[in-house]
Every structure is written in C-alpha cells, then in structure tokens.
PDB file of N, CA and C in Angstrom:
ATOM      1  N   LYS A   1      41.196  -0.919 -15.390  1.00  0.00           N
ATOM      2  CA  LYS A   1      40.695  -0.325 -16.365  1.00  0.00           C
ATOM      3  C   LYS A   1      39.568   0.503 -15.886  1.00  0.00           C
ATOM      4  N   ASP A   2      39.446   1.804 -16.224  1.00  0.00           N
ATOM      5  CA  ASP A   2      38.457   2.695 -15.632  1.00  0.00           C
ATOM      6  C   ASP A   2      37.148   2.556 -16.469  1.00  0.00           C
ATOM      7  N   ILE A   3      36.142   2.782 -15.685  1.00  0.00           N
ATOM      8  CA  ILE A   3      34.637   2.778 -16.586  1.00  0.00           C
ATOM      9  C   ILE A   3      34.432   4.192 -16.514  1.00  0.00           C
ATOM     10  N   ALA A   4      34.012   4.766 -17.873  1.00  0.00           N
ATOM     11  CA  ALA A   4      33.458   5.928 -17.760  1.00  0.00           C
ATOM     12  C   ALA A   4      32.009   6.193 -17.734  1.00  0.00           C
ATOM     13  N   SER A   5      31.602   7.259 -17.297  1.00  0.00           N
ATOM     14  CA  SER A   5      30.187   7.527 -16.840  1.00  0.00           C
ATOM     15  C   SER A   5      29.627   8.197 -17.957  1.00  0.00           C
ATOM     16  N   LYS A   6      28.229   8.023 -18.303  1.00  0.00           N
ATOM     17  CA  LYS A   6      27.474   8.567 -19.245  1.00  0.00           C
ATOM     18  C   LYS A   6      26.479   9.579 -18.727  1.00  0.00           C
ATOM     19  N   PRO A   7      25.926  10.647 -19.485  1.00  0.00           N
ATOM     20  CA  PRO A   7      24.897  11.598 -19.228  1.00  0.00           C
ATOM     21  C   PRO A   7      23.727  10.530 -18.295  1.00  0.00           C
ATOM     22  N   THR A   8      23.382  11.461 -17.056  1.00  0.00           N
ATOM     23  CA  THR A   8      22.168  10.698 -16.510  1.00  0.00           C
ATOM     24  C   THR A   8      21.404  11.783 -15.706  1.00  0.00           C
ATOM     25  N   PHE A   9      20.034  11.713 -15.366  1.00  0.00           N
ATOM     26  CA  PHE A   9      19.554  12.456 -14.468  1.00  0.00           C
ATOM     27  C   PHE A   9      19.667  12.305 -13.347  1.00  0.00           C
ATOM     28  N   SER A  10      20.421  10.998 -12.894  1.00  0.00           N
ATOM     29  CA  SER A  10      20.787  10.909 -11.568  1.00  0.00           C
ATOM     30  C   SER A  10      22.223  11.439 -11.285  1.00  0.00           C
ATOM     31  N   ASP A  11      22.475  12.801 -11.273  1.00  0.00           N
ATOM     32  CA  ASP A  11      23.798  13.327 -11.043  1.00  0.00           C
ATOM     33  C   ASP A  11      24.619  12.830  -9.917  1.00  0.00           C
ATOM     34  N   GLY A  12      23.911  12.626  -8.904  1.00  0.00           N
ATOM     35  CA  GLY A  12      24.543  12.112  -7.655  1.00  0.00           C
ATOM     36  C   GLY A  12      25.278  10.637  -7.737  1.00  0.00           C
ATOM     37  N   THR A  13      24.656  10.024  -8.744  1.00  0.00           N
ATOM     38  CA  THR A  13      25.396   8.703  -8.951  1.00  0.00           C
ATOM     39  C   THR A  13      26.164   8.662  -9.990  1.00  0.00           C
ATOM     40  N   ALA A  14      26.432   9.821 -10.798  1.00  0.00           N
ATOM     41  CA  ALA A  14      27.415   9.727 -11.893  1.00  0.00           C
ATOM     42  C   ALA A  14      28.670   9.973 -11.626  1.00  0.00           C
ATOM     43  N   GLY A  15      29.463   9.410 -12.419  1.00  0.00           N
ATOM     44  CA  GLY A  15      30.912   9.643 -11.898  1.00  0.00           C
ATOM     45  C   GLY A  15      31.636   8.311 -12.668  1.00  0.00           C
ATOM     46  N   ASP A  16      32.838   8.559 -12.894  1.00  0.00           N
ATOM     47  CA  ASP A  16      33.755   7.493 -13.373  1.00  0.00           C
ATOM     48  C   ASP A  16      34.103   6.521 -12.298  1.00  0.00           C
ATOM     49  N   ILE A  17      34.301   5.429 -12.539  1.00  0.00           N
ATOM     50  CA  ILE A  17      34.711   4.594 -11.464  1.00  0.00           C
ATOM     51  C   ILE A  17      36.266   4.115 -11.670  1.00  0.00           C
ATOM     52  N   GLU A  18      37.300   4.706 -10.910  1.00  0.00           N
ATOM     53  CA  GLU A  18      38.451   4.836 -11.258  1.00  0.00           C
ATOM     54  C   GLU A  18      39.262   3.481 -10.553  1.00  0.00           C
ATOM     55  N   ALA A  19      40.419   2.945 -11.194  1.00  0.00           N
ATOM     56  CA  ALA A  19      41.078   1.829 -10.704  1.00  0.00           C
ATOM     57  C   ALA A  19      41.528   2.090  -9.287  1.00  0.00           C
ATOM     58  N   GLY A  20      41.373   1.101  -8.451  1.00  0.00           N
ATOM     59  CA  GLY A  20      41.565   1.315  -7.016  1.00  0.00           C
ATOM     60  C   GLY A  20      40.591   2.143  -6.185  1.00  0.00           C
ATOM     61  N   ALA A  21      39.444   2.604  -6.570  1.00  0.00           N
ATOM     62  CA  ALA A  21      38.584   3.385  -5.837  1.00  0.00           C
ATOM     63  C   ALA A  21      37.962   2.288  -4.912  1.00  0.00           C
ATOM     64  N   ILE A  22      37.899   3.084  -3.638  1.00  0.00           N
ATOM     65  CA  ILE A  22      37.381   1.904  -2.550  1.00  0.00           C
ATOM     66  C   ILE A  22      36.013   1.931  -2.726  1.00  0.00           C
ATOM     67  N   THR A  23      35.221   2.790  -3.108  1.00  0.00           N
ATOM     68  CA  THR A  23      33.695   2.389  -2.867  1.00  0.00           C
ATOM     69  C   THR A  23      33.464   1.382  -3.929  1.00  0.00           C
ATOM     70  N   PHE A  24      33.903   1.170  -4.957  1.00  0.00           N
ATOM     71  CA  PHE A  24      33.691   0.016  -5.883  1.00  0.00           C
ATOM     72  C   PHE A  24      33.880  -1.285  -5.101  1.00  0.00           C
ATOM     73  N   THR A  25      35.058  -1.487  -4.527  1.00  0.00           N
ATOM     74  CA  THR A  25      35.264  -2.714  -3.726  1.00  0.00           C
ATOM     75  C   THR A  25      34.332  -2.725  -2.337  1.00  0.00           C
ATOM     76  N   LEU A  26      33.816  -1.559  -2.084  1.00  0.00           N
ATOM     77  CA  LEU A  26      32.713  -1.744  -0.862  1.00  0.00           C
ATOM     78  C   LEU A  26      31.352  -2.278  -1.497  1.00  0.00           C
ATOM     79  N   CYS A  27      31.118  -1.745  -2.402  1.00  0.00           N
ATOM     80  CA  CYS A  27      29.737  -2.292  -3.347  1.00  0.00           C
ATOM     81  C   CYS A  27      30.079  -3.593  -3.700  1.00  0.00           C
ATOM     82  N   GLN A  28      31.066  -4.191  -4.321  1.00  0.00           N
ATOM     83  CA  GLN A  28      31.070  -5.460  -4.677  1.00  0.00           C
ATOM     84  C   GLN A  28      30.941  -6.305  -3.381  1.00  0.00           C
ATOM     85  N   ARG A  29      31.423  -6.084  -2.224  1.00  0.00           N
ATOM     86  CA  ARG A  29      31.247  -6.781  -0.909  1.00  0.00           C
ATOM     87  C   ARG A  29      30.114  -6.772  -0.252  1.00  0.00           C
ATOM     88  N   TYR A  30      29.251  -5.650  -0.355  1.00  0.00           N
ATOM     89  CA  TYR A  30      28.202  -5.433   0.618  1.00  0.00           C
ATOM     90  C   TYR A  30      26.819  -5.178  -0.241  1.00  0.00           C
ATOM     91  N   VAL A  31      26.842  -5.081  -1.314  1.00  0.00           N
ATOM     92  CA  VAL A  31      25.507  -4.760  -2.129  1.00  0.00           C
ATOM     93  C   VAL A  31      25.182  -6.365  -2.632  1.00  0.00           C
ATOM     94  N   ASP A  32      23.916  -6.607  -2.270  1.00  0.00           N
ATOM     95  CA  ASP A  32      23.236  -8.058  -2.279  1.00  0.00           C
ATOM     96  C   ASP A  32      22.765  -8.092  -3.548  1.00  0.00           C
ATOM     97  N   HIS A  33      22.268  -7.036  -4.333  1.00  0.00           N
ATOM     98  CA  HIS A  33      21.430  -7.014  -5.356  1.00  0.00           C
ATOM     99  C   HIS A  33      21.401  -5.878  -6.230  1.00  0.00           C
ATOM    100  N   TRP A  34      21.686  -5.884  -7.550  1.00  0.00           N
ATOM    101  CA  TRP A  34      21.936  -4.760  -8.443  1.00  0.00           C
ATOM    102  C   TRP A  34      20.520  -4.798  -9.105  1.00  0.00           C
ATOM    103  N   VAL A  35      20.060  -3.431  -9.442  1.00  0.00           N
ATOM    104  CA  VAL A  35      18.757  -3.399 -10.216  1.00  0.00           C
ATOM    105  C   VAL A  35      19.147  -2.390 -11.306  1.00  0.00           C
ATOM    106  N   LEU A  36      19.008  -2.739 -12.615  1.00  0.00           N
ATOM    107  CA  LEU A  36      19.117  -1.807 -13.696  1.00  0.00           C
ATOM    108  C   LEU A  36      17.858  -1.111 -14.057  1.00  0.00           C
ATOM    109  N   VAL A  37      18.059   0.340 -14.051  1.00  0.00           N
ATOM    110  CA  VAL A  37      16.908   1.257 -14.219  1.00  0.00           C
ATOM    111  C   VAL A  37      17.173   2.071 -15.495  1.00  0.00           C
ATOM    112  N   SER A  38      16.257   2.232 -16.035  1.00  0.00           N
ATOM    113  CA  SER A  38      16.202   3.410 -17.113  1.00  0.00           C
ATOM    114  C   SER A  38      16.217   4.787 -16.978  1.00  0.00           C
ATOM    115  N   GLU A  39      16.731   5.711 -17.923  1.00  0.00           N
ATOM    116  CA  GLU A  39      16.661   6.964 -17.382  1.00  0.00           C
ATOM    117  C   GLU A  39      15.254   7.528 -17.253  1.00  0.00           C
ATOM    118  N   GLU A  40      14.268   7.034 -18.175  1.00  0.00           N
ATOM    119  CA  GLU A  40      12.820   7.277 -17.877  1.00  0.00           C
ATOM    120  C   GLU A  40      12.217   6.809 -16.607  1.00  0.00           C
ATOM    121  N   GLU A  41      12.764   5.785 -16.223  1.00  0.00           N
ATOM    122  CA  GLU A  41      12.143   5.298 -14.879  1.00  0.00           C
ATOM    123  C   GLU A  41      12.728   6.187 -13.819  1.00  0.00           C
ATOM    124  N   ILE A  42      13.916   6.671 -13.767  1.00  0.00           N
ATOM    125  CA  ILE A  42      14.163   7.473 -13.100  1.00  0.00           C
ATOM    126  C   ILE A  42      13.555   9.113 -12.794  1.00  0.00           C
ATOM    127  N   GLU A  43      13.360   9.417 -14.191  1.00  0.00           N
ATOM    128  CA  GLU A  43      12.692  10.712 -14.323  1.00  0.00           C
ATOM    129  C   GLU A  43      11.061  10.471 -13.761  1.00  0.00           C
ATOM    130  N   LYS A  44      10.627   9.287 -14.174  1.00  0.00           N
ATOM    131  CA  LYS A  44       9.058   9.268 -13.721  1.00  0.00           C
ATOM    132  C   LYS A  44       9.101   9.241 -12.150  1.00  0.00           C
ATOM    133  N   ALA A  45      10.177   8.569 -11.573  1.00  0.00           N
ATOM    134  CA  ALA A  45      10.085   8.576  -9.902  1.00  0.00           C
ATOM    135  C   ALA A  45      10.084  10.010  -9.177  1.00  0.00           C
ATOM    136  N   VAL A  46      11.041  10.729 -10.100  1.00  0.00           N
ATOM    137  CA  VAL A  46      11.354  12.040  -9.270  1.00  0.00           C
ATOM    138  C   VAL A  46       9.717  12.934  -9.715  1.00  0.00           C
ATOM    139  N   PHE A  47       9.338  12.805 -10.909  1.00  0.00           N
ATOM    140  CA  PHE A  47       8.077  13.424 -11.182  1.00  0.00           C
ATOM    141  C   PHE A  47       7.133  12.944 -10.093  1.00  0.00           C
ATOM    142  N   ASP A  48       6.755  11.592  -9.934  1.00  0.00           N
ATOM    143  CA  ASP A  48       5.705  11.217  -9.310  1.00  0.00           C
ATOM    144  C   ASP A  48       5.983  11.376  -7.792  1.00  0.00           C
ATOM    145  N   MET A  49       7.114  11.825  -7.217  1.00  0.00           N
ATOM    146  CA  MET A  49       7.278  12.230  -5.893  1.00  0.00           C
ATOM    147  C   MET A  49       6.650  13.664  -5.800  1.00  0.00           C
ATOM    148  N   MET A  50       7.074  14.438  -6.867  1.00  0.00           N
ATOM    149  CA  MET A  50       6.531  16.090  -6.948  1.00  0.00           C
ATOM    150  C   MET A  50       4.837  15.895  -6.966  1.00  0.00           C
ATOM    151  N   LYS A  51       4.563  15.129  -7.735  1.00  0.00           N
ATOM    152  CA  LYS A  51       3.129  15.088  -8.222  1.00  0.00           C
ATOM    153  C   LYS A  51       2.116  14.671  -7.066  1.00  0.00           C
ATOM    154  N   HIS A  52       2.503  13.480  -6.403  1.00  0.00           N
ATOM    155  CA  HIS A  52       1.604  12.697  -5.592  1.00  0.00           C
ATOM    156  C   HIS A  52       2.261  13.113  -4.048  1.00  0.00           C
ATOM    157  N   HIS A  53       3.480  13.360  -3.821  1.00  0.00           N
ATOM    158  CA  HIS A  53       3.839  13.541  -2.227  1.00  0.00           C
ATOM    159  C   HIS A  53       4.538  15.004  -2.183  1.00  0.00           C
ATOM    160  N   LYS A  54       4.198  16.010  -3.094  1.00  0.00           N
ATOM    161  CA  LYS A  54       4.663  17.357  -2.949  1.00  0.00           C
ATOM    162  C   LYS A  54       6.144  17.332  -2.528  1.00  0.00           C
ATOM    163  N   LYS A  55       6.748  16.548  -2.863  1.00  0.00           N
ATOM    164  CA  LYS A  55       8.470  16.685  -2.541  1.00  0.00           C
ATOM    165  C   LYS A  55       9.417  16.806  -3.941  1.00  0.00           C
ATOM    166  N   ILE A  56      10.077  17.591  -3.617  1.00  0.00           N
ATOM    167  CA  ILE A  56      11.060  17.900  -4.814  1.00  0.00           C
ATOM    168  C   ILE A  56      12.289  17.069  -4.157  1.00  0.00           C
ATOM    169  N   ILE A  57      12.618  15.851  -4.995  1.00  0.00           N
ATOM    170  CA  ILE A  57      13.922  15.114  -4.752  1.00  0.00           C
ATOM    171  C   ILE A  57      14.756  15.227  -5.920  1.00  0.00           C
ATOM    172  N   GLU A  58      15.989  14.816  -5.808  1.00  0.00           N
ATOM    173  CA  GLU A  58      17.163  14.677  -6.833  1.00  0.00           C
ATOM    174  C   GLU A  58      16.986  13.546  -7.644  1.00  0.00           C
ATOM    175  N   GLY A  59      17.835  13.395  -8.688  1.00  0.00           N
ATOM    176  CA  GLY A  59      17.665  12.217  -9.439  1.00  0.00           C
ATOM    177  C   GLY A  59      18.204  11.033  -8.846  1.00  0.00           C
ATOM    178  N   ALA A  60      19.141  11.136  -8.015  1.00  0.00           N
ATOM    179  CA  ALA A  60      19.900  10.003  -7.078  1.00  0.00           C
ATOM    180  C   ALA A  60      18.662   9.249  -6.462  1.00  0.00           C
ATOM    181  N   ALA A  61      17.904  10.079  -5.687  1.00  0.00           N
ATOM    182  CA  ALA A  61      16.756   9.643  -5.058  1.00  0.00           C
ATOM    183  C   ALA A  61      15.679   8.841  -5.639  1.00  0.00           C
ATOM    184  N   GLY A  62      15.627   9.555  -6.995  1.00  0.00           N
ATOM    185  CA  GLY A  62      14.697   8.885  -8.049  1.00  0.00           C
ATOM    186  C   GLY A  62      15.105   7.460  -8.388  1.00  0.00           C
ATOM    187  N   LEU A  63      16.398   7.320  -8.599  1.00  0.00           N
ATOM    188  CA  LEU A  63      17.130   6.187  -8.891  1.00  0.00           C
ATOM    189  C   LEU A  63      16.653   5.038  -8.039  1.00  0.00           C
ATOM    190  N   THR A  64      16.542   5.244  -6.442  1.00  0.00           N
ATOM    191  CA  THR A  64      16.242   4.176  -5.602  1.00  0.00           C
ATOM    192  C   THR A  64      14.777   3.945  -5.761  1.00  0.00           C
ATOM    193  N   ILE A  65      13.884   4.844  -5.978  1.00  0.00           N
ATOM    194  CA  ILE A  65      12.638   4.693  -6.044  1.00  0.00           C
ATOM    195  C   ILE A  65      12.343   3.673  -7.284  1.00  0.00           C
ATOM    196  N   ALA A  66      13.043   4.217  -8.252  1.00  0.00           N
ATOM    197  CA  ALA A  66      12.814   3.351  -9.727  1.00  0.00           C
ATOM    198  C   ALA A  66      13.104   1.969  -9.309  1.00  0.00           C
ATOM    199  N   ALA A  67      14.422   1.819  -8.825  1.00  0.00           N
ATOM    200  CA  ALA A  67      14.802   0.281  -8.537  1.00  0.00           C
ATOM    201  C   ALA A  67      13.767  -0.481  -7.904  1.00  0.00           C
ATOM    202  N   LEU A  68      13.419   0.069  -6.712  1.00  0.00           N
ATOM    203  CA  LEU A  68      12.384  -0.410  -6.059  1.00  0.00           C
ATOM    204  C   LEU A  68      11.057  -1.001  -6.552  1.00  0.00           C
ATOM    205  N   ARG A  69      10.662   0.107  -7.403  1.00  0.00           N
ATOM    206  CA  ARG A  69       9.331  -0.263  -8.256  1.00  0.00           C
ATOM    207  C   ARG A  69       9.641  -1.456  -9.288  1.00  0.00           C
ATOM    208  N   LYS A  70      10.983  -1.690  -9.622  1.00  0.00           N
ATOM    209  CA  LYS A  70      11.179  -2.877 -10.428  1.00  0.00           C
ATOM    210  C   LYS A  70      11.175  -4.282  -9.808  1.00  0.00           C
ATOM    211  N   LEU A  71      11.308  -4.231  -8.427  1.00  0.00           N
ATOM    212  CA  LEU A  71      11.295  -5.370  -7.691  1.00  0.00           C
ATOM    213  C   LEU A  71      10.110  -6.080  -7.630  1.00  0.00           C
ATOM    214  N   PRO A  72       9.926  -7.135  -7.981  1.00  0.00           N
ATOM    215  CA  PRO A  72       8.548  -7.779  -7.835  1.00  0.00           C
ATOM    216  C   PRO A  72       8.079  -7.969  -6.369  1.00  0.00           C
ATOM    217  N   LEU A  73       6.708  -7.898  -6.080  1.00  0.00           N
ATOM    218  CA  LEU A  73       6.280  -7.715  -4.797  1.00  0.00           C
ATOM    219  C   LEU A  73       6.663  -8.924  -4.121  1.00  0.00           C
ATOM    220  N   ALA A  74       6.612 -10.086  -4.422  1.00  0.00           N
ATOM    221  CA  ALA A  74       7.151 -11.201  -3.557  1.00  0.00           C
ATOM    222  C   ALA A  74       8.774 -11.128  -3.088  1.00  0.00           C
ATOM    223  N   GLU A  75       9.322 -10.267  -3.767  1.00  0.00           N
ATOM    224  CA  GLU A  75      10.689 -10.148  -3.302  1.00  0.00           C
ATOM    225  C   GLU A  75      10.596  -9.161  -2.123  1.00  0.00           C
ATOM    226  N   ARG A  76       9.717  -8.030  -2.017  1.00  0.00           N
ATOM    227  CA  ARG A  76       9.754  -6.991  -1.091  1.00  0.00           C
ATOM    228  C   ARG A  76       8.662  -7.681   0.077  1.00  0.00           C
ATOM    229  N   LYS A  77       7.514  -8.266  -0.258  1.00  0.00           N
ATOM    230  CA  LYS A  77       6.769  -8.705   0.991  1.00  0.00           C
ATOM    231  C   LYS A  77       7.225  -9.181   2.226  1.00  0.00           C
ATOM    232  N   GLY A  78       6.988  -8.432   3.291  1.00  0.00           N
ATOM    233  CA  GLY A  78       7.391  -8.982   4.631  1.00  0.00           C
ATOM    234  C   GLY A  78       8.961  -8.492   4.900  1.00  0.00           C
ATOM    235  N   LYS A  79       9.489  -7.667   4.330  1.00  0.00           N
ATOM    236  CA  LYS A  79      10.726  -7.213   4.230  1.00  0.00           C
ATOM    237  C   LYS A  79      10.882  -5.594   4.900  1.00  0.00           C
ATOM    238  N   ASN A  80      11.757  -5.402   5.798  1.00  0.00           N
ATOM    239  CA  ASN A  80      12.029  -4.140   5.878  1.00  0.00           C
ATOM    240  C   ASN A  80      13.059  -3.552   4.694  1.00  0.00           C
ATOM    241  N   ILE A  81      12.666  -2.483   4.210  1.00  0.00           N
ATOM    242  CA  ILE A  81      13.245  -2.084   3.013  1.00  0.00           C
ATOM    243  C   ILE A  81      13.538  -0.316   3.174  1.00  0.00           C
ATOM    244  N   ALA A  82      14.862   0.122   3.183  1.00  0.00           N
ATOM    245  CA  ALA A  82      14.993   1.423   3.388  1.00  0.00           C
ATOM    246  C   ALA A  82      15.517   2.011   2.269  1.00  0.00           C
ATOM    247  N   LEU A  83      14.994   3.247   1.858  1.00  0.00           N
ATOM    248  CA  LEU A  83      15.369   3.947   0.609  1.00  0.00           C
ATOM    249  C   LEU A  83      16.092   5.199   1.117  1.00  0.00           C
ATOM    250  N   VAL A  84      17.423   5.627   0.528  1.00  0.00           N
ATOM    251  CA  VAL A  84      17.502   7.081   0.742  1.00  0.00           C
ATOM    252  C   VAL A  84      16.865   8.002  -0.356  1.00  0.00           C
ATOM    253  N   ILE A  85      16.171   8.837   0.385  1.00  0.00           N
ATOM    254  CA  ILE A  85      15.454   9.813  -0.487  1.00  0.00           C
ATOM    255  C   ILE A  85      16.153  11.263  -0.011  1.00  0.00           C
ATOM    256  N   CYS A  86      16.992  11.540  -0.970  1.00  0.00           N
ATOM    257  CA  CYS A  86      17.831  12.600  -0.638  1.00  0.00           C
ATOM    258  C   CYS A  86      17.175  14.013  -1.622  1.00  0.00           C
ATOM    259  N   GLY A  87      17.774  14.894  -0.884  1.00  0.00           N
ATOM    260  CA  GLY A  87      17.080  16.407  -0.838  1.00  0.00           C
ATOM    261  C   GLY A  87      17.016  16.745  -2.564  1.00  0.00           C
ATOM    262  N   GLY A  88      16.909  18.215  -2.740  1.00  0.00           N
ATOM    263  CA  GLY A  88      16.474  18.941  -3.887  1.00  0.00           C
ATOM    264  C   GLY A  88      17.911  19.356  -4.670  1.00  0.00           C
ATOM    265  N   ASN A  89      18.829  18.540  -4.812  1.00  0.00           N
ATOM    266  CA  ASN A  89      19.712  18.954  -5.726  1.00  0.00           C
ATOM    267  C   ASN A  89      19.444  18.662  -7.064  1.00  0.00           C
ATOM    268  N   ILE A  90      18.337  19.481  -7.353  1.00  0.00           N
ATOM    269  CA  ILE A  90      17.907  19.510  -8.898  1.00  0.00           C
ATOM    270  C   ILE A  90      17.653  20.966  -9.376  1.00  0.00           C
ATOM    271  N   SER A  91      17.973  20.980 -10.620  1.00  0.00           N
ATOM    272  CA  SER A  91      17.840  22.291 -11.199  1.00  0.00           C
ATOM    273  C   SER A  91      16.356  22.795 -11.632  1.00  0.00           C
ATOM    274  N   LEU A  92      16.101  24.087 -11.829  1.00  0.00           N
ATOM    275  CA  LEU A  92      14.779  24.577 -11.985  1.00  0.00           C
ATOM    276  C   LEU A  92      14.399  23.806 -13.408  1.00  0.00           C
ATOM    277  N   ASP A  93      15.461  24.021 -14.095  1.00  0.00           N
ATOM    278  CA  ASP A  93      15.444  23.444 -15.764  1.00  0.00           C
ATOM    279  C   ASP A  93      14.842  21.968 -15.819  1.00  0.00           C
ATOM    280  N   LYS A  94      15.515  21.295 -14.745  1.00  0.00           N
ATOM    281  CA  LYS A  94      15.083  19.767 -14.760  1.00  0.00           C
ATOM    282  C   LYS A  94      13.759  19.525 -14.339  1.00  0.00           C
ATOM    283  N   VAL A  95      13.279  20.280 -13.441  1.00  0.00           N
ATOM    284  CA  VAL A  95      11.965  20.407 -12.858  1.00  0.00           C
ATOM    285  C   VAL A  95      10.920  20.656 -13.941  1.00  0.00           C
ATOM    286  N   ARG A  96      11.215  21.765 -14.644  1.00  0.00           N
ATOM    287  CA  ARG A  96      10.554  22.184 -15.892  1.00  0.00           C
ATOM    288  C   ARG A  96      10.359  21.164 -16.634  1.00  0.00           C
ATOM    289  N   TYR A  97      11.488  20.483 -17.255  1.00  0.00           N
ATOM    290  CA  TYR A  97      11.439  19.296 -18.189  1.00  0.00           C
ATOM    291  C   TYR A  97      10.600  18.120 -17.664  1.00  0.00           C
ATOM    292  N   LEU A  98      10.706  17.766 -16.444  1.00  0.00           N
ATOM    293  CA  LEU A  98       9.788  16.806 -15.815  1.00  0.00           C
ATOM    294  C   LEU A  98       8.243  17.126 -16.140  1.00  0.00           C
ATOM    295  N   ILE A  99       8.103  18.275 -15.555  1.00  0.00           N
ATOM    296  CA  ILE A  99       6.476  18.835 -15.581  1.00  0.00           C
ATOM    297  C   ILE A  99       6.135  18.854 -17.112  1.00  0.00           C
ATOM    298  N   ASP A 100       6.971  19.319 -18.126  1.00  0.00           N
ATOM    299  CA  ASP A 100       6.501  19.345 -19.663  1.00  0.00           C
ATOM    300  C   ASP A 100       6.464  17.773 -20.015  1.00  0.00           C
ATOM    301  N   LYS A 101       7.140  17.083 -19.624  1.00  0.00           N
ATOM    302  CA  LYS A 101       7.186  15.730 -20.303  1.00  0.00           C
ATOM    303  C   LYS A 101       6.027  14.664 -19.612  1.00  0.00           C
ATOM    304  N   TYR A 102       5.888  14.977 -18.322  1.00  0.00           N
ATOM    305  CA  TYR A 102       4.815  13.811 -17.559  1.00  0.00           C
ATOM    306  C   TYR A 102       3.498  14.261 -17.306  1.00  0.00           C
ATOM    307  N   ASP A 103       3.475  15.979 -17.206  1.00  0.00           N
ATOM    308  CA  ASP A 103       2.276  16.275 -16.735  1.00  0.00           C
ATOM    309  C   ASP A 103       1.195  16.336 -17.607  1.00  0.00           C
ATOM    310  N   LYS A 104       0.580  15.276 -17.955  1.00  0.00           N
ATOM    311  CA  LYS A 104      -0.545  15.221 -18.933  1.00  0.00           C
ATOM    312  C   LYS A 104      -2.067  15.010 -18.329  1.00  0.00           C
TER     313      LYS A 104
END
C-alpha cells in the first residue's frame, strides 16, 4: 500500500513511499532510531541556524537538527554524531515567513 505524503517545511524529505521502493527497505534495514519531529521544530531549527550561525539551510537539514535536539543528552554523550546539513534549497518566501514568525 502506498503511503501518501503531507505538506511539510522539509521539502527534501517529502514524497510518497511507493510499494517496492528500495529506499524504504534500506531505511528499515539500516536506520537504528527514528525520531518524530513537528513542523514547528523543523522551522525553529532552520531559523536558529540563520540567526545564530548565519547559515541558510533547507528544511531537510532543519529536520536533522530538530531530531538531534529531541534526543536526551544521555543518548548523545560520548558518541560521534554526524548530521547532513544540506544547502539552501529554500525559497525567499519561506525565509521571510521564518523571520516574521520567530524573530521577536
């Protein structure tokens, strides 16, 4: 059965999961831990990178930061953790939206 996607700030991770898709099987096999994040957590992560690090990142990168933020420190302490912080595939409209919403 296909799993339909829903609108998300993380365009790079959006998309349907089709029956027989190889990426789904690979994720089932190799992903050790899943973390559910909200749209607001993704938005805040993207905004915080702009505000505190002067980097414009796309929503998919914000998703990875949001997921890391949700992991308890005890689960992160002493571990090497790598995040894919990918480029600026984000529209100016989305950047304006984030500034209007979070720059207070």
